[in-house]
N, C-alpha and C. Protein backbone atom coordinates (compact mmCIF):
# COMPACT_ATOMS: atom_id res chain seq x y z
N MET A 1 128.70 40.54 161.08
CA MET A 1 128.27 40.84 162.32
C MET A 1 129.03 41.87 162.95
N ILE A 2 128.39 42.62 163.72
CA ILE A 2 128.84 43.84 164.76
C ILE A 2 128.47 43.53 165.83
N ALA A 3 129.75 43.46 167.04
CA ALA A 3 129.22 43.31 168.49
C ALA A 3 129.95 44.54 169.02
N GLU A 4 128.96 45.25 169.33
CA GLU A 4 129.33 46.82 169.93
C GLU A 4 128.33 47.04 171.12
N ASP A 5 128.90 47.41 172.49
CA ASP A 5 128.13 47.76 173.38
C ASP A 5 127.67 49.28 173.35
N GLU A 6 128.49 50.16 172.60
CA GLU A 6 128.10 51.56 172.61
C GLU A 6 126.89 51.91 171.38
N ARG A 7 125.69 52.09 171.85
CA ARG A 7 124.56 51.85 170.89
C ARG A 7 124.87 52.96 169.87
N ASP A 8 125.37 54.07 170.13
CA ASP A 8 125.25 55.11 168.98
C ASP A 8 126.26 54.50 167.92
N LEU A 9 127.44 54.03 168.33
CA LEU A 9 128.40 53.53 167.23
C LEU A 9 127.79 52.32 166.45
N LEU A 10 127.27 51.42 167.40
CA LEU A 10 126.67 50.40 166.64
C LEU A 10 125.64 50.76 165.54
N SER A 11 124.68 51.62 166.16
CA SER A 11 123.76 52.29 164.78
C SER A 11 124.44 52.65 163.79
N LEU A 12 125.57 53.45 163.96
CA LEU A 12 126.03 53.99 162.81
C LEU A 12 127.00 53.15 161.81
N LEU A 13 127.50 52.13 162.59
CA LEU A 13 128.23 51.19 161.82
C LEU A 13 127.22 50.30 161.00
N LYS A 14 126.18 49.78 161.86
CA LYS A 14 125.10 49.09 161.03
C LYS A 14 124.53 49.78 159.69
N ASP A 15 124.16 50.97 159.96
CA ASP A 15 123.61 51.76 159.02
C ASP A 15 124.50 52.04 157.87
N SER A 16 125.92 52.25 158.05
CA SER A 16 126.93 52.34 157.12
C SER A 16 127.28 51.18 156.42
N PHE A 17 127.29 49.89 156.91
CA PHE A 17 127.46 48.75 156.46
C PHE A 17 126.25 48.38 155.52
N GLN A 18 125.16 48.70 156.05
CA GLN A 18 123.80 48.39 155.22
C GLN A 18 123.82 49.17 154.03
N GLU A 19 124.07 50.30 154.03
CA GLU A 19 124.32 51.34 152.68
C GLU A 19 125.32 50.74 151.72
N GLU A 20 126.16 50.01 152.22
CA GLU A 20 127.33 49.72 151.27
C GLU A 20 126.92 48.12 150.61
N GLY A 21 125.65 47.32 151.10
CA GLY A 21 124.89 46.65 150.70
C GLY A 21 125.29 45.26 151.60
N PHE A 22 126.03 45.28 152.71
CA PHE A 22 126.08 44.19 153.69
C PHE A 22 124.62 43.84 154.26
N ILE A 23 124.54 42.53 154.61
CA ILE A 23 123.62 42.12 155.62
C ILE A 23 124.06 42.11 156.71
N VAL A 24 123.84 42.92 157.74
CA VAL A 24 124.24 43.13 159.11
C VAL A 24 123.45 42.42 160.34
N PHE A 25 124.14 41.76 160.96
CA PHE A 25 123.48 41.21 162.37
C PHE A 25 124.34 42.09 163.53
N THR A 26 123.46 42.26 164.69
CA THR A 26 124.03 42.95 165.67
C THR A 26 124.14 42.35 167.01
N ALA A 27 125.13 42.58 167.67
CA ALA A 27 125.01 42.17 169.32
C ALA A 27 125.43 43.32 170.15
N SER A 28 124.95 43.38 171.13
CA SER A 28 125.32 44.48 171.99
C SER A 28 126.13 44.06 173.37
N ASP A 29 126.46 42.64 173.39
CA ASP A 29 127.21 42.09 174.30
C ASP A 29 128.04 40.99 173.77
N GLY A 30 129.15 40.53 174.34
CA GLY A 30 129.79 39.31 174.11
C GLY A 30 128.93 38.01 173.88
N GLN A 31 128.26 37.96 174.97
CA GLN A 31 127.41 36.84 174.78
C GLN A 31 126.49 36.48 174.06
N GLU A 32 125.70 37.68 173.61
CA GLU A 32 124.92 37.87 172.42
C GLU A 32 125.40 37.72 170.92
N GLY A 33 126.70 37.97 170.89
CA GLY A 33 127.47 37.87 170.03
C GLY A 33 128.02 36.08 169.66
N VAL A 34 128.24 35.56 170.58
CA VAL A 34 128.27 34.21 170.37
C VAL A 34 127.05 33.45 169.89
N THR A 35 126.25 33.89 170.50
CA THR A 35 124.77 33.14 170.35
C THR A 35 124.60 33.48 168.49
N ILE A 36 124.67 34.74 168.28
CA ILE A 36 124.39 35.17 166.96
C ILE A 36 125.28 34.73 166.03
N ALA A 37 126.26 34.74 166.30
CA ALA A 37 127.44 34.33 165.43
C ALA A 37 127.46 32.61 165.11
N ASN A 38 127.03 31.81 165.95
CA ASN A 38 126.79 30.57 165.85
C ASN A 38 125.66 30.05 165.11
N LYS A 39 124.52 30.92 165.34
CA LYS A 39 123.36 30.55 164.59
C LYS A 39 123.59 31.48 163.03
N GLU A 40 124.00 32.53 162.90
CA GLU A 40 124.11 32.94 161.43
C GLU A 40 125.19 32.85 160.63
N LYS A 41 126.40 32.42 161.12
CA LYS A 41 127.70 32.23 160.62
C LYS A 41 127.91 33.27 159.60
N PRO A 42 128.54 34.51 160.27
CA PRO A 42 128.50 35.71 159.59
C PRO A 42 129.95 35.64 158.85
N ASP A 43 130.02 36.23 157.70
CA ASP A 43 131.27 36.00 156.99
C ASP A 43 132.52 37.16 157.67
N LEU A 44 132.07 37.96 158.33
CA LEU A 44 133.17 38.93 159.28
C LEU A 44 132.52 39.41 160.46
N ILE A 45 133.28 39.61 161.61
CA ILE A 45 132.88 39.96 162.55
C ILE A 45 133.72 41.00 163.05
N LEU A 46 133.07 42.49 163.34
CA LEU A 46 133.62 43.56 163.77
C LEU A 46 133.01 43.52 165.14
N ALA A 47 134.32 43.36 166.29
CA ALA A 47 133.99 43.13 167.57
C ALA A 47 134.64 44.08 168.60
N ASP A 48 133.88 44.96 169.50
CA ASP A 48 134.47 45.70 170.50
C ASP A 48 135.29 44.59 171.39
N ILE A 49 136.50 45.26 171.96
CA ILE A 49 137.04 44.39 172.89
C ILE A 49 136.21 44.53 174.44
N LEU A 50 136.09 45.71 174.82
CA LEU A 50 135.27 45.78 175.93
C LEU A 50 133.67 45.87 175.90
N MET A 51 133.15 44.81 176.22
CA MET A 51 131.95 44.43 176.10
C MET A 51 131.22 44.01 177.50
N PRO A 52 130.04 44.14 177.88
CA PRO A 52 129.54 43.68 178.90
C PRO A 52 129.41 42.00 178.69
N LYS A 53 129.33 41.39 179.80
CA LYS A 53 128.89 39.57 179.89
C LYS A 53 129.91 38.83 179.32
N LEU A 54 130.81 39.47 178.26
CA LEU A 54 131.79 38.56 177.68
C LEU A 54 132.50 39.58 176.70
N ASP A 55 133.98 39.68 177.07
CA ASP A 55 134.70 40.67 176.30
C ASP A 55 134.82 40.08 174.84
N GLY A 56 135.31 40.96 173.82
CA GLY A 56 135.40 40.62 172.44
C GLY A 56 136.37 39.46 172.25
N ILE A 57 137.22 39.28 172.96
CA ILE A 57 138.39 38.36 172.72
C ILE A 57 138.01 37.12 173.01
N GLU A 58 137.32 37.14 174.26
CA GLU A 58 136.69 35.88 174.81
C GLU A 58 135.33 35.36 173.78
N MET A 59 134.80 36.34 173.48
CA MET A 59 133.63 35.96 172.43
C MET A 59 134.26 35.21 171.05
N ILE A 60 135.22 35.79 170.75
CA ILE A 60 135.76 35.20 169.55
C ILE A 60 136.48 34.02 169.60
N LYS A 61 136.96 33.72 171.07
CA LYS A 61 137.50 32.48 171.44
C LYS A 61 136.50 31.63 171.54
N GLN A 62 135.46 31.70 172.17
CA GLN A 62 134.27 30.70 171.95
C GLN A 62 133.67 30.58 170.77
N ILE A 63 133.93 31.36 169.69
CA ILE A 63 133.31 31.23 168.43
C ILE A 63 134.19 30.35 167.86
N ARG A 64 135.27 30.28 168.02
CA ARG A 64 136.53 29.52 167.64
C ARG A 64 136.39 28.18 167.86
N LYS A 65 136.05 27.90 169.25
CA LYS A 65 135.82 26.73 169.62
C LYS A 65 134.87 25.75 169.14
N SER A 66 133.85 26.62 168.71
CA SER A 66 132.52 25.95 167.92
C SER A 66 132.85 25.78 166.60
N GLY A 67 134.06 25.94 166.03
CA GLY A 67 134.51 25.61 164.71
C GLY A 67 134.62 26.86 163.65
N GLY A 68 134.19 28.09 164.40
CA GLY A 68 133.80 29.32 163.47
C GLY A 68 135.48 29.75 163.09
N LYS A 69 135.80 30.01 161.88
CA LYS A 69 136.83 30.52 161.51
C LYS A 69 137.07 31.78 160.80
N VAL A 70 135.79 32.47 161.01
CA VAL A 70 135.53 33.92 160.37
C VAL A 70 136.48 35.04 160.87
N PRO A 71 136.75 35.69 159.89
CA PRO A 71 137.85 36.87 160.06
C PRO A 71 137.23 38.01 161.02
N VAL A 72 138.15 38.69 161.82
CA VAL A 72 137.65 39.56 162.66
C VAL A 72 138.42 40.60 162.68
N ILE A 73 137.90 41.74 162.82
CA ILE A 73 138.26 43.20 163.13
C ILE A 73 137.85 43.45 164.44
N PHE A 74 138.94 43.72 165.44
CA PHE A 74 138.44 44.30 166.52
C PHE A 74 138.61 45.73 166.46
N LEU A 75 137.60 46.24 167.37
CA LEU A 75 137.39 47.91 167.64
C LEU A 75 137.80 48.01 169.13
N THR A 76 138.84 48.72 169.19
CA THR A 76 139.35 49.04 170.41
C THR A 76 139.62 50.41 170.88
N ASN A 77 139.61 50.72 172.39
CA ASN A 77 139.98 52.08 172.58
C ASN A 77 141.41 51.97 173.09
N PHE A 78 142.01 50.80 172.94
CA PHE A 78 143.44 50.62 173.38
C PHE A 78 144.41 50.49 172.38
N GLY A 79 145.29 51.32 172.36
CA GLY A 79 146.35 51.16 171.27
C GLY A 79 147.63 50.35 171.72
N ASP A 80 147.63 50.06 172.93
CA ASP A 80 149.12 49.47 173.74
C ASP A 80 149.06 48.04 173.27
N PRO A 81 150.27 47.67 173.25
CA PRO A 81 150.93 46.35 172.64
C PRO A 81 150.19 45.18 173.36
N GLU A 82 149.96 45.32 174.47
CA GLU A 82 149.25 44.04 175.12
C GLU A 82 147.87 43.75 174.76
N HIS A 83 147.17 44.79 174.48
CA HIS A 83 145.72 44.57 173.95
C HIS A 83 145.73 44.24 172.51
N ILE A 84 146.78 44.78 171.94
CA ILE A 84 146.73 44.41 170.42
C ILE A 84 147.36 42.84 170.21
N SER A 85 148.19 42.72 170.95
CA SER A 85 148.73 41.29 170.84
C SER A 85 147.60 40.20 171.19
N LYS A 86 146.88 40.44 172.30
CA LYS A 86 145.84 39.54 172.61
C LYS A 86 144.76 39.57 171.55
N ALA A 87 144.45 40.56 170.75
CA ALA A 87 143.55 40.49 169.69
C ALA A 87 144.13 39.84 168.81
N ILE A 88 145.35 39.66 168.36
CA ILE A 88 145.99 39.13 167.23
C ILE A 88 146.08 37.99 167.54
N GLU A 89 146.11 37.30 168.84
CA GLU A 89 146.23 35.98 168.99
C GLU A 89 145.38 34.85 168.70
N VAL A 90 144.13 35.43 168.49
CA VAL A 90 142.87 34.82 168.22
C VAL A 90 143.11 34.21 166.85
N GLY A 91 143.90 34.84 166.10
CA GLY A 91 144.05 34.42 164.85
C GLY A 91 142.83 35.02 163.83
N ASN A 92 143.37 35.22 162.38
CA ASN A 92 142.56 35.83 161.33
C ASN A 92 141.79 36.96 161.86
N SER A 93 142.59 37.89 162.41
CA SER A 93 142.03 38.93 163.00
C SER A 93 143.01 40.23 162.67
N ASP A 94 142.40 41.43 162.87
CA ASP A 94 143.13 42.72 162.75
C ASP A 94 142.27 43.92 163.88
N TYR A 95 142.88 44.98 164.04
CA TYR A 95 142.14 45.50 164.69
C TYR A 95 142.20 47.27 164.44
N ILE A 96 141.46 48.08 164.81
CA ILE A 96 141.15 49.61 164.49
C ILE A 96 141.35 50.20 165.84
N VAL A 97 141.77 50.97 166.27
CA VAL A 97 141.81 51.93 167.34
C VAL A 97 140.80 52.78 167.15
N LYS A 98 139.54 52.85 167.97
CA LYS A 98 138.47 53.67 167.96
C LYS A 98 138.80 55.20 167.68
N SER A 99 139.61 55.35 168.42
CA SER A 99 139.95 57.19 168.46
C SER A 99 140.63 57.43 167.12
N ASP A 100 141.28 56.62 166.34
CA ASP A 100 141.87 56.88 164.83
C ASP A 100 140.51 56.36 163.84
N MET A 101 139.69 56.14 164.40
CA MET A 101 138.82 55.33 163.35
C MET A 101 137.82 56.22 162.51
N LYS A 102 137.65 55.99 161.10
CA LYS A 102 136.90 56.74 160.41
C LYS A 102 135.86 55.60 159.60
N ILE A 103 134.68 55.92 159.56
CA ILE A 103 133.83 54.68 159.29
C ILE A 103 134.20 53.99 157.70
N GLU A 104 134.63 55.06 156.85
CA GLU A 104 135.08 54.61 155.80
C GLU A 104 136.15 53.80 155.58
N GLU A 105 137.20 53.89 156.77
CA GLU A 105 138.36 53.04 156.86
C GLU A 105 137.98 51.70 157.39
N ILE A 106 136.95 51.76 158.35
CA ILE A 106 136.46 50.25 158.53
C ILE A 106 135.71 49.63 157.51
N ILE A 107 135.09 50.12 156.68
CA ILE A 107 134.28 49.59 155.62
C ILE A 107 135.36 48.95 154.66
N PHE A 108 136.27 49.77 154.40
CA PHE A 108 137.53 49.56 153.37
C PHE A 108 138.14 48.29 154.17
N ARG A 109 138.63 48.33 155.29
CA ARG A 109 139.18 46.94 156.06
C ARG A 109 138.59 45.82 155.80
N ALA A 110 137.22 46.08 155.83
CA ALA A 110 136.09 44.85 156.03
C ALA A 110 136.16 44.47 154.74
N LYS A 111 135.93 44.95 153.56
CA LYS A 111 136.17 44.64 152.37
C LYS A 111 137.20 43.89 151.92
N SER A 112 138.38 44.40 152.37
CA SER A 112 139.59 44.06 152.15
C SER A 112 139.66 42.39 152.73
N LYS A 113 139.43 42.34 153.95
CA LYS A 113 139.25 40.84 154.72
C LYS A 113 138.51 40.13 154.03
N LEU A 114 137.59 40.50 153.14
CA LEU A 114 136.65 39.59 152.57
C LEU A 114 136.92 39.53 151.26
N GLU A 115 137.87 40.16 150.70
CA GLU A 115 138.42 40.42 149.46
C GLU A 115 137.40 40.61 148.34
N ILE A 116 136.64 42.02 149.00
CA ILE A 116 135.57 42.59 148.06
C ILE A 116 136.46 44.00 147.53
N LYS A 117 136.14 44.36 146.39
CA LYS A 117 136.36 45.44 145.76
C LYS A 117 135.64 46.73 146.07
């Protein structure tokens, strides 16, 4: 599942992951992300930290409260230690700073989290 409020980035990520053979669910805000994750039980979540209605960290905390242990890769514009530590605290998570991002790297990291070659 990809939770991202920037439509162009969401579309690019969705298309790129589908080209790699992934089944992709998308959410454009954190609340929608909680609903979709609880319904679809994704194997991995890519989550923007800053989103409307519910930020990515709170979205994952709510999913965890429902029993979801899904691995997470946070996408963020923040490279500062405070945001990074908050993202890591939710457990079974990683992060990528968007400004340093290449789609191929995100796909590689997702496959690594899922132990796919």
